[in-house]
């Protein structure tokens, strides 16, 4: 999703020829690792303190069974050179068992000894949306079109 060819964008990170310079670059390379089934890279870029409960086989199965369709970066917070923590909110689009799906996450990354690592992620809470239209009063006609008062129809 960066617009760069894979060979220039994420391949150097996955091969070990370079280190991702930002949390976002690591996020993009980790997505590409799922696409390329580079499971070892996913393990290596997981923060050392969070590797004990990582299930390599489950990660491999998901990477291989999904048809990866694209990555959208929604927001980044910090995660640049000199920062010790960064956050990247993204949506990964994929197809699994013939069904289009998406995985939305706000990932937390930490820098340690000049390298970025994935720490964990949370599912963002949906934003509260308020109804912007006019309010229907109890004695107003019901908006369903029945011709009855709202209080005697859908408002009952």
C-alpha atoms as a PDB file:
ATOM      1  CA  UNK A   1       0.000   0.000   0.000  1.00  0.00           C
ATOM      2  CA  UNK A   2       2.973   2.374   0.094  1.00  0.00           C
ATOM      3  CA  UNK A   3       3.116   2.746  -3.678  1.00  0.00           C
ATOM      4  CA  UNK A   4       6.689   1.415  -3.788  1.00  0.00           C
ATOM      5  CA  UNK A   5       7.596  -1.876  -5.477  1.00  0.00           C
ATOM      6  CA  UNK A   6       7.960  -4.780  -3.019  1.00  0.00           C
ATOM      7  CA  UNK A   7      11.692  -5.074  -3.816  1.00  0.00           C
ATOM      8  CA  UNK A   8      12.281  -1.472  -2.674  1.00  0.00           C
ATOM      9  CA  UNK A   9       9.757  -1.277   0.146  1.00  0.00           C
ATOM     10  CA  UNK A  10       9.505  -4.374   2.317  1.00  0.00           C
ATOM     11  CA  UNK A  11      11.729  -7.057   0.782  1.00  0.00           C
ATOM     12  CA  UNK A  12      14.967  -5.615   2.285  1.00  0.00           C
ATOM     13  CA  UNK A  13      13.427  -5.750   5.776  1.00  0.00           C
ATOM     14  CA  UNK A  14      12.052  -9.263   5.376  1.00  0.00           C
ATOM     15  CA  UNK A  15      15.357 -10.565   3.975  1.00  0.00           C
ATOM     16  CA  UNK A  16      17.338  -8.942   6.800  1.00  0.00           C
ATOM     17  CA  UNK A  17      19.288  -6.652   4.455  1.00  0.00           C
ATOM     18  CA  UNK A  18      17.849  -3.601   6.246  1.00  0.00           C
ATOM     19  CA  UNK A  19      15.977  -2.725   9.431  1.00  0.00           C
ATOM     20  CA  UNK A  20      12.590  -0.993   9.340  1.00  0.00           C
ATOM     21  CA  UNK A  21      13.291   2.650  10.344  1.00  0.00           C
ATOM     22  CA  UNK A  22       9.792   3.440  11.665  1.00  0.00           C
ATOM     23  CA  UNK A  23       6.872   1.670  13.296  1.00  0.00           C
ATOM     24  CA  UNK A  24       4.819   2.185  10.124  1.00  0.00           C
ATOM     25  CA  UNK A  25       7.548   0.651   7.961  1.00  0.00           C
ATOM     26  CA  UNK A  26       7.616  -2.353  10.291  1.00  0.00           C
ATOM     27  CA  UNK A  27       3.812  -2.612  10.113  1.00  0.00           C
ATOM     28  CA  UNK A  28       3.906  -2.603   6.310  1.00  0.00           C
ATOM     29  CA  UNK A  29       6.698  -5.184   6.238  1.00  0.00           C
ATOM     30  CA  UNK A  30       4.835  -7.441   8.663  1.00  0.00           C
ATOM     31  CA  UNK A  31       1.753  -7.317   6.431  1.00  0.00           C
ATOM     32  CA  UNK A  32       3.978  -8.185   3.455  1.00  0.00           C
ATOM     33  CA  UNK A  33       5.440 -11.056   5.475  1.00  0.00           C
ATOM     34  CA  UNK A  34       1.934 -12.513   5.793  1.00  0.00           C
ATOM     35  CA  UNK A  35       1.484 -12.165   2.029  1.00  0.00           C
ATOM     36  CA  UNK A  36       4.884 -13.780   1.350  1.00  0.00           C
ATOM     37  CA  UNK A  37       4.467 -16.422   4.110  1.00  0.00           C
ATOM     38  CA  UNK A  38       7.656 -15.185   5.792  1.00  0.00           C
ATOM     39  CA  UNK A  39       6.723 -16.627   9.173  1.00  0.00           C
ATOM     40  CA  UNK A  40      10.239 -16.410  10.623  1.00  0.00           C
ATOM     41  CA  UNK A  41      10.236 -12.642  10.037  1.00  0.00           C
ATOM     42  CA  UNK A  42       6.944 -12.321  11.907  1.00  0.00           C
ATOM     43  CA  UNK A  43       8.533 -14.099  14.876  1.00  0.00           C
ATOM     44  CA  UNK A  44      11.743 -12.072  14.719  1.00  0.00           C
ATOM     45  CA  UNK A  45       9.878  -8.744  14.665  1.00  0.00           C
ATOM     46  CA  UNK A  46       7.708  -9.682  17.636  1.00  0.00           C
ATOM     47  CA  UNK A  47       9.009  -7.953  20.780  1.00  0.00           C
ATOM     48  CA  UNK A  48      11.223 -10.407  22.719  1.00  0.00           C
ATOM     49  CA  UNK A  49       9.123  -9.995  25.883  1.00  0.00           C
ATOM     50  CA  UNK A  50       5.988 -11.058  23.970  1.00  0.00           C
ATOM     51  CA  UNK A  51       7.215 -14.160  22.149  1.00  0.00           C
ATOM     52  CA  UNK A  52       6.361 -16.758  24.783  1.00  0.00           C
ATOM     53  CA  UNK A  53       2.694 -17.073  23.787  1.00  0.00           C
ATOM     54  CA  UNK A  54       3.214 -16.665  20.021  1.00  0.00           C
ATOM     55  CA  UNK A  55       1.753 -19.592  18.078  1.00  0.00           C
ATOM     56  CA  UNK A  56       3.958 -20.048  15.024  1.00  0.00           C
ATOM     57  CA  UNK A  57       1.766 -22.744  13.461  1.00  0.00           C
ATOM     58  CA  UNK A  58      -1.439 -20.727  13.827  1.00  0.00           C
ATOM     59  CA  UNK A  59       0.318 -17.741  12.252  1.00  0.00           C
ATOM     60  CA  UNK A  60       1.558 -19.917   9.382  1.00  0.00           C
ATOM     61  CA  UNK A  61      -1.907 -21.394   8.772  1.00  0.00           C
ATOM     62  CA  UNK A  62      -3.551 -17.954   8.688  1.00  0.00           C
ATOM     63  CA  UNK A  63      -0.881 -16.560   6.362  1.00  0.00           C
ATOM     64  CA  UNK A  64      -1.231 -19.476   3.959  1.00  0.00           C
ATOM     65  CA  UNK A  65      -5.013 -19.869   4.026  1.00  0.00           C
ATOM     66  CA  UNK A  66      -5.856 -16.207   3.508  1.00  0.00           C
ATOM     67  CA  UNK A  67      -5.739 -14.405   0.178  1.00  0.00           C
ATOM     68  CA  UNK A  68      -4.297 -11.030   1.163  1.00  0.00           C
ATOM     69  CA  UNK A  69      -5.983  -8.177  -0.709  1.00  0.00           C
ATOM     70  CA  UNK A  70      -4.509  -4.970   0.686  1.00  0.00           C
ATOM     71  CA  UNK A  71      -3.450  -2.880   3.632  1.00  0.00           C
ATOM     72  CA  UNK A  72      -4.863   0.506   4.655  1.00  0.00           C
ATOM     73  CA  UNK A  73      -2.940   2.600   7.148  1.00  0.00           C
ATOM     74  CA  UNK A  74      -5.551   4.719   8.946  1.00  0.00           C
ATOM     75  CA  UNK A  75      -3.425   6.540  11.502  1.00  0.00           C
ATOM     76  CA  UNK A  76       0.073   6.678  12.928  1.00  0.00           C
ATOM     77  CA  UNK A  77       1.164   8.142  16.237  1.00  0.00           C
ATOM     78  CA  UNK A  78       4.834   8.607  17.030  1.00  0.00           C
ATOM     79  CA  UNK A  79       6.967   5.651  15.896  1.00  0.00           C
ATOM     80  CA  UNK A  80       9.693   7.700  14.218  1.00  0.00           C
ATOM     81  CA  UNK A  81      13.469   7.547  14.707  1.00  0.00           C
ATOM     82  CA  UNK A  82      14.210   8.663  18.276  1.00  0.00           C
ATOM     83  CA  UNK A  83      10.831   7.544  19.647  1.00  0.00           C
ATOM     84  CA  UNK A  84      10.620   4.576  21.986  1.00  0.00           C
ATOM     85  CA  UNK A  85       7.006   3.706  21.182  1.00  0.00           C
ATOM     86  CA  UNK A  86       4.711   4.053  18.188  1.00  0.00           C
ATOM     87  CA  UNK A  87       1.152   3.205  17.219  1.00  0.00           C
ATOM     88  CA  UNK A  88      -0.245   2.291  13.810  1.00  0.00           C
ATOM     89  CA  UNK A  89      -3.945   1.797  13.147  1.00  0.00           C
ATOM     90  CA  UNK A  90      -4.653  -0.255  10.051  1.00  0.00           C
ATOM     91  CA  UNK A  91      -7.110  -2.451   8.209  1.00  0.00           C
ATOM     92  CA  UNK A  92      -5.797  -5.610   6.523  1.00  0.00           C
ATOM     93  CA  UNK A  93      -8.168  -6.878   3.849  1.00  0.00           C
ATOM     94  CA  UNK A  94      -8.176 -10.573   3.010  1.00  0.00           C
ATOM     95  CA  UNK A  95     -10.355 -13.397   1.703  1.00  0.00           C
ATOM     96  CA  UNK A  96     -10.780 -16.558   3.749  1.00  0.00           C
ATOM     97  CA  UNK A  97     -12.987 -19.512   2.858  1.00  0.00           C
ATOM     98  CA  UNK A  98     -14.417 -17.486  -0.031  1.00  0.00           C
ATOM     99  CA  UNK A  99     -15.525 -14.624   2.234  1.00  0.00           C
ATOM    100  CA  UNK A 100     -14.061 -11.114   2.118  1.00  0.00           C
ATOM    101  CA  UNK A 101     -12.916 -10.124   5.599  1.00  0.00           C
ATOM    102  CA  UNK A 102     -10.894  -7.414   7.279  1.00  0.00           C
ATOM    103  CA  UNK A 103      -8.762  -7.177  10.376  1.00  0.00           C
ATOM    104  CA  UNK A 104      -8.713  -3.751  12.016  1.00  0.00           C
ATOM    105  CA  UNK A 105      -6.187  -3.104  14.744  1.00  0.00           C
ATOM    106  CA  UNK A 106      -4.327  -0.368  16.575  1.00  0.00           C
ATOM    107  CA  UNK A 107      -0.865  -1.871  16.939  1.00  0.00           C
ATOM    108  CA  UNK A 108       1.695  -0.858  19.518  1.00  0.00           C
ATOM    109  CA  UNK A 109       5.370  -0.970  18.594  1.00  0.00           C
ATOM    110  CA  UNK A 110       8.447  -0.502  20.737  1.00  0.00           C
ATOM    111  CA  UNK A 111      11.991   0.431  19.803  1.00  0.00           C
ATOM    112  CA  UNK A 112      14.831  -1.453  21.444  1.00  0.00           C
ATOM    113  CA  UNK A 113      18.533  -1.249  20.534  1.00  0.00           C
ATOM    114  CA  UNK A 114      17.770   0.582  17.287  1.00  0.00           C
ATOM    115  CA  UNK A 115      15.092  -1.849  16.079  1.00  0.00           C
ATOM    116  CA  UNK A 116      11.321  -1.628  16.023  1.00  0.00           C
ATOM    117  CA  UNK A 117       9.280  -4.556  17.336  1.00  0.00           C
ATOM    118  CA  UNK A 118       5.565  -5.347  17.327  1.00  0.00           C
ATOM    119  CA  UNK A 119       4.313  -5.509  20.926  1.00  0.00           C
ATOM    120  CA  UNK A 120       0.551  -6.009  20.752  1.00  0.00           C
ATOM    121  CA  UNK A 121      -2.640  -4.666  19.280  1.00  0.00           C
ATOM    122  CA  UNK A 122      -6.156  -3.732  20.271  1.00  0.00           C
ATOM    123  CA  UNK A 123      -9.393  -3.520  18.355  1.00  0.00           C
ATOM    124  CA  UNK A 124     -10.366   0.148  18.123  1.00  0.00           C
ATOM    125  CA  UNK A 125     -13.702   1.013  19.672  1.00  0.00           C
ATOM    126  CA  UNK A 126     -16.219   2.342  17.169  1.00  0.00           C
ATOM    127  CA  UNK A 127     -16.964   6.029  17.445  1.00  0.00           C
ATOM    128  CA  UNK A 128     -20.361   6.986  18.812  1.00  0.00           C
ATOM    129  CA  UNK A 129     -22.572   8.371  16.096  1.00  0.00           C
ATOM    130  CA  UNK A 130     -25.518  10.570  16.882  1.00  0.00           C
ATOM    131  CA  UNK A 131     -28.587  10.629  14.726  1.00  0.00           C
ATOM    132  CA  UNK A 132     -28.365  13.893  12.827  1.00  0.00           C
ATOM    133  CA  UNK A 133     -31.928  14.022  11.540  1.00  0.00           C
ATOM    134  CA  UNK A 134     -34.859  15.782  13.174  1.00  0.00           C
ATOM    135  CA  UNK A 135     -36.330  14.125  16.248  1.00  0.00           C
ATOM    136  CA  UNK A 136     -39.775  12.613  15.979  1.00  0.00           C
ATOM    137  CA  UNK A 137     -42.195  13.769  18.658  1.00  0.00           C
ATOM    138  CA  UNK A 138     -44.686  11.424  20.275  1.00  0.00           C
ATOM    139  CA  UNK A 139     -47.642  13.104  18.570  1.00  0.00           C
ATOM    140  CA  UNK A 140     -45.960  13.528  15.154  1.00  0.00           C
ATOM    141  CA  UNK A 141     -46.891  11.275  12.245  1.00  0.00           C
ATOM    142  CA  UNK A 142     -44.854   8.074  12.324  1.00  0.00           C
ATOM    143  CA  UNK A 143     -41.920   8.207   9.874  1.00  0.00           C
ATOM    144  CA  UNK A 144     -42.712   4.666   8.692  1.00  0.00           C
ATOM    145  CA  UNK A 145     -45.574   6.100   6.617  1.00  0.00           C
ATOM    146  CA  UNK A 146     -48.460   4.309   8.379  1.00  0.00           C
ATOM    147  CA  UNK A 147     -50.344   7.572   8.928  1.00  0.00           C
ATOM    148  CA  UNK A 148     -50.634   6.878  12.646  1.00  0.00           C
ATOM    149  CA  UNK A 149     -49.057   8.911  15.428  1.00  0.00           C
ATOM    150  CA  UNK A 150     -45.525   7.864  16.338  1.00  0.00           C
ATOM    151  CA  UNK A 151     -46.571   7.008  19.930  1.00  0.00           C
ATOM    152  CA  UNK A 152     -49.223   4.566  18.654  1.00  0.00           C
ATOM    153  CA  UNK A 153     -47.000   2.997  15.972  1.00  0.00           C
ATOM    154  CA  UNK A 154     -43.213   2.532  15.997  1.00  0.00           C
ATOM    155  CA  UNK A 155     -42.760   4.509  19.228  1.00  0.00           C
ATOM    156  CA  UNK A 156     -44.954   2.140  21.235  1.00  0.00           C
END
